[in-house]
PDB file of N, CA and C in Angstrom:
ATOM      1  N   MET A   1       0.828  -1.196   0.000  1.00  0.00           N
ATOM      2  CA  MET A   1       0.000   0.000   0.000  1.00  0.00           C
ATOM      3  C   MET A   1       0.870   1.258   0.000  1.00  0.00           C
ATOM      4  N   HIS A   2       1.930   1.250   0.792  1.00  0.00           N
ATOM      5  CA  HIS A   2       2.801   2.415   0.880  1.00  0.00           C
ATOM      6  C   HIS A   2       3.505   2.684  -0.446  1.00  0.00           C
ATOM      7  N   LYS A   3       3.885   1.622  -1.148  1.00  0.00           N
ATOM      8  CA  LYS A   3       4.560   1.782  -2.434  1.00  0.00           C
ATOM      9  C   LYS A   3       3.613   2.378  -3.475  1.00  0.00           C
ATOM     10  N   ARG A   4       2.351   1.985  -3.424  1.00  0.00           N
ATOM     11  CA  ARG A   4       1.372   2.506  -4.367  1.00  0.00           C
ATOM     12  C   ARG A   4       1.147   4.004  -4.147  1.00  0.00           C
ATOM     13  N   ASN A   5       1.024   4.419  -2.877  1.00  0.00           N
ATOM     14  CA  ASN A   5       0.838   5.843  -2.580  1.00  0.00           C
ATOM     15  C   ASN A   5       2.040   6.658  -3.028  1.00  0.00           C
ATOM     16  N   THR A   6       3.244   6.113  -2.806  1.00  0.00           N
ATOM     17  CA  THR A   6       4.457   6.801  -3.230  1.00  0.00           C
ATOM     18  C   THR A   6       4.514   6.923  -4.745  1.00  0.00           C
ATOM     19  N   PHE A   7       4.099   5.872  -5.440  1.00  0.00           N
ATOM     20  CA  PHE A   7       4.087   5.894  -6.900  1.00  0.00           C
ATOM     21  C   PHE A   7       3.136   6.968  -7.423  1.00  0.00           C
ATOM     22  N   PHE A   8       1.920   7.019  -6.884  1.00  0.00           N
ATOM     23  CA  PHE A   8       0.941   7.997  -7.341  1.00  0.00           C
ATOM     24  C   PHE A   8       1.361   9.427  -6.988  1.00  0.00           C
ATOM     25  N   LEU A   9       2.000   9.611  -5.846  1.00  0.00           N
ATOM     26  CA  LEU A   9       2.498  10.929  -5.482  1.00  0.00           C
ATOM     27  C   LEU A   9       3.591  11.369  -6.455  1.00  0.00           C
ATOM     28  N   GLY A  10       4.504  10.475  -6.783  1.00  0.00           N
ATOM     29  CA  GLY A  10       5.569  10.794  -7.735  1.00  0.00           C
ATOM     30  C   GLY A  10       5.016  11.088  -9.113  1.00  0.00           C
ATOM     31  N   LEU A  11       4.045  10.310  -9.550  1.00  0.00           N
ATOM     32  CA  LEU A  11       3.425  10.525 -10.857  1.00  0.00           C
ATOM     33  C   LEU A  11       2.709  11.876 -10.906  1.00  0.00           C
ATOM     34  N   THR A  12       2.021  12.217  -9.839  1.00  0.00           N
ATOM     35  CA  THR A  12       1.321  13.497  -9.776  1.00  0.00           C
ATOM     36  C   THR A  12       2.300  14.666  -9.836  1.00  0.00           C
ATOM     37  N   LEU A  13       3.366  14.574  -9.073  1.00  0.00           N
ATOM     38  CA  LEU A  13       4.367  15.645  -9.091  1.00  0.00           C
ATOM     39  C   LEU A  13       5.027  15.773 -10.454  1.00  0.00           C
ATOM     40  N   LEU A  14       5.261  14.652 -11.122  1.00  0.00           N
ATOM     41  CA  LEU A  14       5.850  14.679 -12.456  1.00  0.00           C
ATOM     42  C   LEU A  14       4.912  15.361 -13.452  1.00  0.00           C
ATOM     43  N   LEU A  15       3.625  15.050 -13.387  1.00  0.00           N
ATOM     44  CA  LEU A  15       2.663  15.655 -14.307  1.00  0.00           C
ATOM     45  C   LEU A  15       2.501  17.144 -14.045  1.00  0.00           C
ATOM     46  N   ILE A  16       2.519  17.541 -12.778  1.00  0.00           N
ATOM     47  CA  ILE A  16       2.419  18.964 -12.455  1.00  0.00           C
ATOM     48  C   ILE A  16       3.620  19.710 -13.013  1.00  0.00           C
ATOM     49  N   ASN A  17       4.799  19.144 -12.867  1.00  0.00           N
ATOM     50  CA  ASN A  17       6.011  19.772 -13.372  1.00  0.00           C
ATOM     51  C   ASN A  17       5.962  19.895 -14.891  1.00  0.00           C
ATOM     52  N   THR A  18       5.482  18.876 -15.575  1.00  0.00           N
ATOM     53  CA  THR A  18       5.408  18.894 -17.035  1.00  0.00           C
ATOM     54  C   THR A  18       4.451  19.971 -17.527  1.00  0.00           C
ATOM     55  N   THR A  19       3.315  20.123 -16.882  1.00  0.00           N
ATOM     56  CA  THR A  19       2.349  21.129 -17.329  1.00  0.00           C
ATOM     57  C   THR A  19       2.854  22.542 -17.066  1.00  0.00           C
ATOM     58  N   THR A  20       3.574  22.744 -15.968  1.00  0.00           N
ATOM     59  CA  THR A  20       4.078  24.091 -15.707  1.00  0.00           C
ATOM     60  C   THR A  20       5.167  24.478 -16.695  1.00  0.00           C
ATOM     61  N   ILE A  21       5.962  23.519 -17.133  1.00  0.00           N
ATOM     62  CA  ILE A  21       6.983  23.815 -18.141  1.00  0.00           C
ATOM     63  C   ILE A  21       6.309  24.198 -19.458  1.00  0.00           C
ATOM     64  N   ALA A  22       5.246  23.485 -19.823  1.00  0.00           N
ATOM     65  CA  ALA A  22       4.538  23.788 -21.071  1.00  0.00           C
ATOM     66  C   ALA A  22       3.878  25.166 -20.992  1.00  0.00           C
ATOM     67  N   GLN A  23       3.354  25.533 -19.845  1.00  0.00           N
ATOM     68  CA  GLN A  23       2.707  26.828 -19.707  1.00  0.00           C
ATOM     69  C   GLN A  23       3.717  27.962 -19.735  1.00  0.00           C
ATOM     70  N   THR A  24       4.895  27.723 -19.200  1.00  0.00           N
ATOM     71  CA  THR A  24       5.922  28.760 -19.199  1.00  0.00           C
ATOM     72  C   THR A  24       6.318  29.135 -20.615  1.00  0.00           C
ATOM     73  N   ALA A  25       6.443  28.142 -21.497  1.00  0.00           N
ATOM     74  CA  ALA A  25       6.802  28.423 -22.886  1.00  0.00           C
ATOM     75  C   ALA A  25       5.710  29.222 -23.586  1.00  0.00           C
ATOM     76  N   ALA A  26       4.464  28.931 -23.283  1.00  0.00           N
ATOM     77  CA  ALA A  26       3.363  29.646 -23.924  1.00  0.00           C
ATOM     78  C   ALA A  26       3.242  31.073 -23.400  1.00  0.00           C
ATOM     79  N   LEU A  27       3.601  31.288 -22.151  1.00  0.00           N
ATOM     80  CA  LEU A  27       3.447  32.617 -21.564  1.00  0.00           C
ATOM     81  C   LEU A  27       4.560  33.567 -21.969  1.00  0.00           C
ATOM     82  N   ASP A  28       5.682  33.064 -22.455  1.00  0.00           N
ATOM     83  CA  ASP A  28       6.776  33.942 -22.844  1.00  0.00           C
ATOM     84  C   ASP A  28       6.398  34.867 -23.998  1.00  0.00           C
ATOM     85  N   SER A  29       5.479  34.443 -24.856  1.00  0.00           N
ATOM     86  CA  SER A  29       5.110  35.256 -26.015  1.00  0.00           C
ATOM     87  C   SER A  29       4.286  36.489 -25.635  1.00  0.00           C
ATOM     88  N   VAL A  30       3.589  36.440 -24.540  1.00  0.00           N
ATOM     89  CA  VAL A  30       2.774  37.582 -24.113  1.00  0.00           C
ATOM     90  C   VAL A  30       3.290  38.160 -22.803  1.00  0.00           C
ATOM     91  N   ALA A  31       4.577  38.033 -22.560  1.00  0.00           N
ATOM     92  CA  ALA A  31       5.140  38.458 -21.278  1.00  0.00           C
ATOM     93  C   ALA A  31       5.106  39.967 -21.104  1.00  0.00           C
ATOM     94  N   LYS A  32       5.153  40.738 -22.171  1.00  0.00           N
ATOM     95  CA  LYS A  32       5.221  42.190 -22.033  1.00  0.00           C
ATOM     96  C   LYS A  32       3.908  42.780 -21.509  1.00  0.00           C
ATOM     97  N   LYS A  33       2.775  42.345 -22.041  1.00  0.00           N
ATOM     98  CA  LYS A  33       1.497  42.944 -21.649  1.00  0.00           C
ATOM     99  C   LYS A  33       0.728  42.099 -20.659  1.00  0.00           C
ATOM    100  N   GLY A  34       0.803  40.822 -20.735  1.00  0.00           N
ATOM    101  CA  GLY A  34      -0.011  39.946 -19.908  1.00  0.00           C
ATOM    102  C   GLY A  34      -1.103  39.337 -20.759  1.00  0.00           C
ATOM    103  N   PHE A  35      -1.479  38.145 -20.423  1.00  0.00           N
ATOM    104  CA  PHE A  35      -2.417  37.398 -21.261  1.00  0.00           C
ATOM    105  C   PHE A  35      -3.784  38.052 -21.337  1.00  0.00           C
ATOM    106  N   MET A  36      -4.356  38.394 -20.196  1.00  0.00           N
ATOM    107  CA  MET A  36      -5.714  38.935 -20.196  1.00  0.00           C
ATOM    108  C   MET A  36      -5.778  40.310 -20.853  1.00  0.00           C
ATOM    109  N   VAL A  37      -4.773  41.131 -20.623  1.00  0.00           N
ATOM    110  CA  VAL A  37      -4.778  42.467 -21.202  1.00  0.00           C
ATOM    111  C   VAL A  37      -4.534  42.405 -22.708  1.00  0.00           C
ATOM    112  N   SER A  38      -3.653  41.501 -23.125  1.00  0.00           N
ATOM    113  CA  SER A  38      -3.347  41.426 -24.554  1.00  0.00           C
ATOM    114  C   SER A  38      -4.538  40.957 -25.372  1.00  0.00           C
ATOM    115  N   ASN A  39      -5.417  40.180 -24.780  1.00  0.00           N
ATOM    116  CA  ASN A  39      -6.589  39.687 -25.497  1.00  0.00           C
ATOM    117  C   ASN A  39      -7.864  40.449 -25.145  1.00  0.00           C
ATOM    118  N   ASP A  40      -7.741  41.505 -24.366  1.00  0.00           N
ATOM    119  CA  ASP A  40      -8.890  42.300 -23.898  1.00  0.00           C
ATOM    120  C   ASP A  40      -9.918  41.455 -23.165  1.00  0.00           C
ATOM    121  N   LYS A  41      -9.460  40.418 -22.495  1.00  0.00           N
ATOM    122  CA  LYS A  41     -10.363  39.571 -21.710  1.00  0.00           C
ATOM    123  C   LYS A  41     -10.472  40.049 -20.267  1.00  0.00           C
ATOM    124  N   ILE A  42      -9.592  40.952 -19.863  1.00  0.00           N
ATOM    125  CA  ILE A  42      -9.612  41.434 -18.488  1.00  0.00           C
ATOM    126  C   ILE A  42     -10.924  42.138 -18.174  1.00  0.00           C
ATOM    127  N   TYR A  43     -11.499  42.788 -19.164  1.00  0.00           N
ATOM    128  CA  TYR A  43     -12.765  43.489 -18.945  1.00  0.00           C
ATOM    129  C   TYR A  43     -13.921  42.501 -18.752  1.00  0.00           C
ATOM    130  N   VAL A  44     -13.864  41.392 -19.444  1.00  0.00           N
ATOM    131  CA  VAL A  44     -14.896  40.363 -19.267  1.00  0.00           C
ATOM    132  C   VAL A  44     -14.780  39.761 -17.875  1.00  0.00           C
ATOM    133  N   VAL A  45     -13.563  39.471 -17.449  1.00  0.00           N
ATOM    134  CA  VAL A  45     -13.352  38.897 -16.123  1.00  0.00           C
ATOM    135  C   VAL A  45     -13.813  39.868 -15.043  1.00  0.00           C
ATOM    136  N   MET A  46     -13.471  41.128 -15.198  1.00  0.00           N
ATOM    137  CA  MET A  46     -13.872  42.116 -14.201  1.00  0.00           C
ATOM    138  C   MET A  46     -15.392  42.282 -14.164  1.00  0.00           C
ATOM    139  N   ALA A  47     -16.041  42.227 -15.294  1.00  0.00           N
ATOM    140  CA  ALA A  47     -17.506  42.325 -15.322  1.00  0.00           C
ATOM    141  C   ALA A  47     -18.138  41.149 -14.589  1.00  0.00           C
ATOM    142  N   ILE A  48     -17.595  39.973 -14.783  1.00  0.00           N
ATOM    143  CA  ILE A  48     -18.130  38.784 -14.109  1.00  0.00           C
ATOM    144  C   ILE A  48     -17.901  38.878 -12.608  1.00  0.00           C
ATOM    145  N   VAL A  49     -16.709  39.300 -12.201  1.00  0.00           N
ATOM    146  CA  VAL A  49     -16.402  39.427 -10.775  1.00  0.00           C
ATOM    147  C   VAL A  49     -17.305  40.464 -10.120  1.00  0.00           C
ATOM    148  N   ILE A  50     -17.501  41.592 -10.769  1.00  0.00           N
ATOM    149  CA  ILE A  50     -18.358  42.641 -10.209  1.00  0.00           C
ATOM    150  C   ILE A  50     -19.806  42.170 -10.122  1.00  0.00           C
ATOM    151  N   THR A  51     -20.262  41.424 -11.128  1.00  0.00           N
ATOM    152  CA  THR A  51     -21.630  40.894 -11.101  1.00  0.00           C
ATOM    153  C   THR A  51     -21.817  39.916  -9.946  1.00  0.00           C
ATOM    154  N   ILE A  52     -20.852  39.046  -9.747  1.00  0.00           N
ATOM    155  CA  ILE A  52     -20.948  38.070  -8.657  1.00  0.00           C
ATOM    156  C   ILE A  52     -20.925  38.779  -7.306  1.00  0.00           C
ATOM    157  N   LEU A  53     -20.031  39.753  -7.140  1.00  0.00           N
ATOM    158  CA  LEU A  53     -19.969  40.481  -5.869  1.00  0.00           C
ATOM    159  C   LEU A  53     -21.248  41.273  -5.613  1.00  0.00           C
ATOM    160  N   ALA A  54     -21.796  41.891  -6.642  1.00  0.00           N
ATOM    161  CA  ALA A  54     -23.050  42.631  -6.476  1.00  0.00           C
ATOM    162  C   ALA A  54     -24.181  41.685  -6.069  1.00  0.00           C
ATOM    163  N   GLY A  55     -24.219  40.513  -6.678  1.00  0.00           N
ATOM    164  CA  GLY A  55     -25.233  39.524  -6.311  1.00  0.00           C
ATOM    165  C   GLY A  55     -25.089  39.058  -4.878  1.00  0.00           C
ATOM    166  N   LEU A  56     -23.863  38.838  -4.443  1.00  0.00           N
ATOM    167  CA  LEU A  56     -23.638  38.424  -3.053  1.00  0.00           C
ATOM    168  C   LEU A  56     -24.021  39.522  -2.067  1.00  0.00           C
ATOM    169  N   ILE A  57     -23.679  40.746  -2.390  1.00  0.00           N
ATOM    170  CA  ILE A  57     -24.038  41.856  -1.501  1.00  0.00           C
ATOM    171  C   ILE A  57     -25.554  42.007  -1.421  1.00  0.00           C
ATOM    172  N   PHE A  58     -26.232  41.909  -2.563  1.00  0.00           N
ATOM    173  CA  PHE A  58     -27.695  41.992  -2.588  1.00  0.00           C
ATOM    174  C   PHE A  58     -28.313  40.879  -1.749  1.00  0.00           C
ATOM    175  N   TYR A  59     -27.771  39.656  -1.864  1.00  0.00           N
ATOM    176  CA  TYR A  59     -28.290  38.513  -1.109  1.00  0.00           C
ATOM    177  C   TYR A  59     -28.098  38.722   0.390  1.00  0.00           C
ATOM    178  N   VAL A  60     -26.940  39.208   0.803  1.00  0.00           N
ATOM    179  CA  VAL A  60     -26.679  39.417   2.232  1.00  0.00           C
ATOM    180  C   VAL A  60     -27.584  40.500   2.799  1.00  0.00           C
ATOM    181  N   ILE A  61     -27.789  41.569   2.055  1.00  0.00           N
ATOM    182  CA  ILE A  61     -28.672  42.640   2.528  1.00  0.00           C
ATOM    183  C   ILE A  61     -30.100  42.126   2.666  1.00  0.00           C
ATOM    184  N   ARG A  62     -30.572  41.379   1.679  1.00  0.00           N
ATOM    185  CA  ARG A  62     -31.924  40.832   1.737  1.00  0.00           C
ATOM    186  C   ARG A  62     -32.079  39.846   2.891  1.00  0.00           C
ATOM    187  N   LEU A  63     -31.065  39.023   3.107  1.00  0.00           N
ATOM    188  CA  LEU A  63     -31.094  38.063   4.203  1.00  0.00           C
ATOM    189  C   LEU A  63     -31.094  38.773   5.551  1.00  0.00           C
ATOM    190  N   ASP A  64     -30.332  39.848   5.664  1.00  0.00           N
ATOM    191  CA  ASP A  64     -30.296  40.621   6.907  1.00  0.00           C
ATOM    192  C   ASP A  64     -31.662  41.223   7.213  1.00  0.00           C
ATOM    193  N   LYS A  65     -32.340  41.733   6.190  1.00  0.00           N
ATOM    194  CA  LYS A  65     -33.679  42.303   6.404  1.00  0.00           C
ATOM    195  C   LYS A  65     -34.666  41.235   6.858  1.00  0.00           C
ATOM    196  N   LYS A  66     -34.584  40.051   6.266  1.00  0.00           N
ATOM    197  CA  LYS A  66     -35.479  38.970   6.670  1.00  0.00           C
ATOM    198  C   LYS A  66     -35.214  38.545   8.108  1.00  0.00           C
ATOM    199  N   ILE A  67     -33.944  38.443   8.486  1.00  0.00           N
ATOM    200  CA  ILE A  67     -33.609  38.046   9.848  1.00  0.00           C
ATOM    201  C   ILE A  67     -34.053  39.116  10.838  1.00  0.00           C
ATOM    202  N   SER A  68     -33.877  40.370  10.486  1.00  0.00           N
ATOM    203  CA  SER A  68     -34.318  41.455  11.378  1.00  0.00           C
ATOM    204  C   SER A  68     -35.828  41.413  11.571  1.00  0.00           C
ATOM    205  N   ARG A  69     -36.556  41.159  10.502  1.00  0.00           N
ATOM    206  CA  ARG A  69     -38.017  41.074  10.609  1.00  0.00           C
ATOM    207  C   ARG A  69     -38.448  39.916  11.498  1.00  0.00           C
ATOM    208  N   ILE A  70     -37.765  38.780  11.369  1.00  0.00           N
ATOM    209  CA  ILE A  70     -38.112  37.621  12.194  1.00  0.00           C
ATOM    210  C   ILE A  70     -37.778  37.890  13.666  1.00  0.00           C
ATOM    211  N   GLU A  71     -36.663  38.582  13.918  1.00  0.00           N
ATOM    212  CA  GLU A  71     -36.293  38.914  15.307  1.00  0.00           C
ATOM    213  C   GLU A  71     -37.300  39.850  15.931  1.00  0.00           C
ATOM    214  N   LYS A  72     -37.822  40.793  15.161  1.00  0.00           N
ATOM    215  CA  LYS A  72     -38.799  41.727  15.708  1.00  0.00           C
ATOM    216  C   LYS A  72     -40.128  41.032  16.009  1.00  0.00           C
ATOM    217  N   GLU A  73     -40.489  40.035  15.199  1.00  0.00           N
ATOM    218  CA  GLU A  73     -41.746  39.321  15.409  1.00  0.00           C
ATOM    219  C   GLU A  73     -41.708  38.461  16.660  1.00  0.00           C
ATOM    220  N   SER A  74     -40.544  37.933  16.984  1.00  0.00           N
ATOM    221  CA  SER A  74     -40.475  37.023  18.147  1.00  0.00           C
ATOM    222  C   SER A  74     -40.036  37.692  19.417  1.00  0.00           C
TER     223      SER A  74
END
């Protein structure tokens, strides 16, 4: 059992190392500006993040009002 766990751990570390080497070569071409900025995708990401945060804030405010109403009733 111990040998199997060691084997899978070694295999996982090897695969992680291989993928990071492949990503490093791909990122060198856009190193000056950055990937998201060079493709104008940063604005899409920011819009999604702002939408999610606005939704969470709206949910928390609504939940707080409901809890306050229940506390006042009891």
